[in-house]
Amino acid sequence: MSSTLISREWLRSFLPAQPTVDKFERMRSCAGALFGIVLTGAITYLYIGDAGATAWLVAPMGASAVLLFAVPASPLAQPWSIIGGNLLAALIGATCVKIFGHAPIVAAGLAVSLAIGAMFMFRCIHPPSGAVALTMVMGGPAVHAAGYSFAFVPVMLNSLIIAGAALLYNNAVGRRYPHSPQMAPPTPAPKAAEAPAKTSLGFSAEELDAVLKNYNQVLDVSREDLENIFIQVEALAYRRRFGDMTCGDIMRTDVIAVEFGTYLDEAWRLLHTHKLKALPVVDRGRRVIGIVTPIDFIEHAGVETYVGFKGKIHHLLRRSGKTHDDKPEVVGQIMTDEAKTAGVNQSIIDLLPLISEHGLRHIPVIDEDRKLVGMLTQADMVNALYGHKLISG
């Protein structure tokens, strides 16, 4: 009985996975391949004339079309992958023919093997390039006679055209192509006592990089896409675990706000009297236009060290009595005018990236008319999630 179950599971492992793309995406991929192959063949034919089908369109372009138009987000389908990979493979294949032409099987094996090594070295892995290397060896007398020139026309020419076609088509239908990962600006290394900065809800970029390094295999998905998938999965898991708790359920409604024209000494007094860490700045219609924190006061007071701190703050808060002065007088002159806000009916799970990635500790909550109705702090979020965990656990 157990052996039967094992054999069934083993046989089931050969079945293909259920596709996750809809019919529209499949049709879009097919149409892209049609556009790319026809355009590549037509332009190459016009360039070199009627010299036979194999001379103006090489077979590996069909495999390249599958990658460029069906899985354009793959690292194996990027422009440098197809252009660099195909050119390297063609040059290596031509070289193997010249050296080992008397032993075509050996030449074929070496061409594909060395092409893979070169693609790793130059970071342009493209599976159809293996077929390009094999074509150079097994393509017959006409290809052998052309030699290195065949690597440039038609192989290189085909690769450039179909890459250009993929660039035009994928962006025209709403896909981002090239799909290169977005490099984050370099940040100082964290101190030994500090935890790595979180780039998602529950893991850091360093942790993801460590796992990928230990995995030690080429993935047919970019690191950026993999990280985004993990973030979305985590968000769904949090939503399933904590339900649909909204900002309106946990926000503080007794919010003290200031206006653009509120004098700095008044705002500073409110912060200290009520022991607040932030004050939303609103217009006359109670719409949020910014936020002011003690850090804003310190920065505009020019305080770099504790020496002279009290005097510089007093100088900033002192009203000049002038109609025009270089010194800031009101909140609107020192506030952060691009304050992050949350909707009253927005799930608190949506705010976790703002807190973990942007380090926000105070988030004004607005209603449908963008009017201030509450305030959320990092502590409110932690208390809500922790309390929900205790109740549900």
Foldseek 3Di string as FASTA:
>chain_A
DVVVVVVVVVVVVPDDDDDPDDPVLVVQLVVLLVQLQVQQQVVQCVVPPPDDSCQRHPPLVSVLSCCLRNPLQFLQNALCLQLVLQLLLLLLLLVLCVVVVVPLVVSLVRSLVVSCVVCVVVVRHHVSSNVSSNCCSPVDDVSNVCRSVSSVGPRNSSSVRSNVSSCVSCVVVPHDPPNDDDDDDDDDDDDPPDDAACQALDDRPVVLVVVVVVVVDDDRHDPNVVVVVVRVVVLVVLCVQLPQDFCLNQFAQPAAAAEQAAWPLVVVCVCVVVVHQKHFYAYPVQAGQFMDGVVLLQVLLVDPDPVCSVVSSCVLRDDPPDPDDPRDTGPNVRTGRPAAAAERSHGVSVCSSCCRVVVDAKHFYAYPVNHTRGMHGPVSVVCSSVVSVVVVD
